[in-house]
Amino acid sequence: MAPCFFAKQVSIDSIVEEATAYDLDNLREGLARFHGDNVGVIFRG
C-alpha cells in the first residue's frame, strides 16, 4: 500500500496550532515535566 502524499488542511492547521502553543504558551514547560531538558529536540525533531 502506498503512503498518503496529501495532508488535509485540518492536519496542517493543527500542527501550526501546536507549534504556536509550544513557542508562545506553556506547552514547552508542560512537555518538559515528562521529557526533561531534551523537550526541544523531541518536539522539533
C-alpha atoms as a PDB file:
ATOM      1  CA  MET A   1       0.000   0.000   0.000  1.00  0.00           C
ATOM      2  CA  ALA A   2       1.376   3.414  -0.952  1.00  0.00           C
ATOM      3  CA  PRO A   3       1.778   6.094   1.706  1.00  0.00           C
ATOM      4  CA  CYS A   4      -0.504   9.089   1.620  1.00  0.00           C
ATOM      5  CA  PHE A   5       1.079  12.036  -0.184  1.00  0.00           C
ATOM      6  CA  PHE A   6      -1.539  14.598   0.748  1.00  0.00           C
ATOM      7  CA  ALA A   7      -2.175  16.255   4.099  1.00  0.00           C
ATOM      8  CA  LYS A   8      -5.618  17.523   4.943  1.00  0.00           C
ATOM      9  CA  GLN A   9      -5.822  21.201   5.817  1.00  0.00           C
ATOM     10  CA  VAL A  10      -7.186  20.358   9.281  1.00  0.00           C
ATOM     11  CA  SER A  11      -3.991  18.387   9.984  1.00  0.00           C
ATOM     12  CA  ILE A  12      -1.769  21.216   8.822  1.00  0.00           C
ATOM     13  CA  ASP A  13      -3.759  23.715  10.892  1.00  0.00           C
ATOM     14  CA  SER A  14      -3.377  21.525  13.989  1.00  0.00           C
ATOM     15  CA  ILE A  15       0.388  21.294  13.533  1.00  0.00           C
ATOM     16  CA  VAL A  16       0.644  25.078  13.220  1.00  0.00           C
ATOM     17  CA  GLU A  17      -1.541  25.497  16.318  1.00  0.00           C
ATOM     18  CA  GLU A  18       0.642  23.166  18.403  1.00  0.00           C
ATOM     19  CA  ALA A  19       3.845  24.817  17.191  1.00  0.00           C
ATOM     20  CA  THR A  20       2.431  28.195  18.195  1.00  0.00           C
ATOM     21  CA  ALA A  21       1.432  26.837  21.610  1.00  0.00           C
ATOM     22  CA  TYR A  22       4.945  25.465  22.034  1.00  0.00           C
ATOM     23  CA  ASP A  23       6.518  28.817  21.183  1.00  0.00           C
ATOM     24  CA  LEU A  24       4.111  31.221  22.879  1.00  0.00           C
ATOM     25  CA  ASP A  25       2.142  29.343  25.537  1.00  0.00           C
ATOM     26  CA  ASN A  26       3.168  26.900  28.241  1.00  0.00           C
ATOM     27  CA  LEU A  27       3.256  23.739  26.112  1.00  0.00           C
ATOM     28  CA  ARG A  28       7.063  23.563  26.336  1.00  0.00           C
ATOM     29  CA  GLU A  29       7.001  23.646  30.133  1.00  0.00           C
ATOM     30  CA  GLY A  30       4.275  21.010  30.253  1.00  0.00           C
ATOM     31  CA  LEU A  31       6.225  18.674  27.997  1.00  0.00           C
ATOM     32  CA  ALA A  32       9.440  19.300  29.944  1.00  0.00           C
ATOM     33  CA  ARG A  33       7.858  17.750  33.041  1.00  0.00           C
ATOM     34  CA  PHE A  34       7.737  14.438  31.208  1.00  0.00           C
ATOM     35  CA  HIS A  35      10.634  14.708  28.745  1.00  0.00           C
ATOM     36  CA  GLY A  36      13.227  16.728  30.682  1.00  0.00           C
ATOM     37  CA  ASP A  37      15.727  19.088  29.119  1.00  0.00           C
ATOM     38  CA  ASN A  38      15.521  17.473  25.676  1.00  0.00           C
ATOM     39  CA  VAL A  39      11.977  18.627  25.024  1.00  0.00           C
ATOM     40  CA  GLY A  40      13.086  20.922  22.207  1.00  0.00           C
ATOM     41  CA  VAL A  41      14.778  18.064  20.389  1.00  0.00           C
ATOM     42  CA  ILE A  42      11.730  15.861  20.896  1.00  0.00           C
ATOM     43  CA  PHE A  43       9.243  18.493  19.730  1.00  0.00           C
ATOM     44  CA  ARG A  44      11.197  19.964  16.826  1.00  0.00           C
ATOM     45  CA  GLY A  45      12.782  16.661  15.782  1.00  0.00           C
END
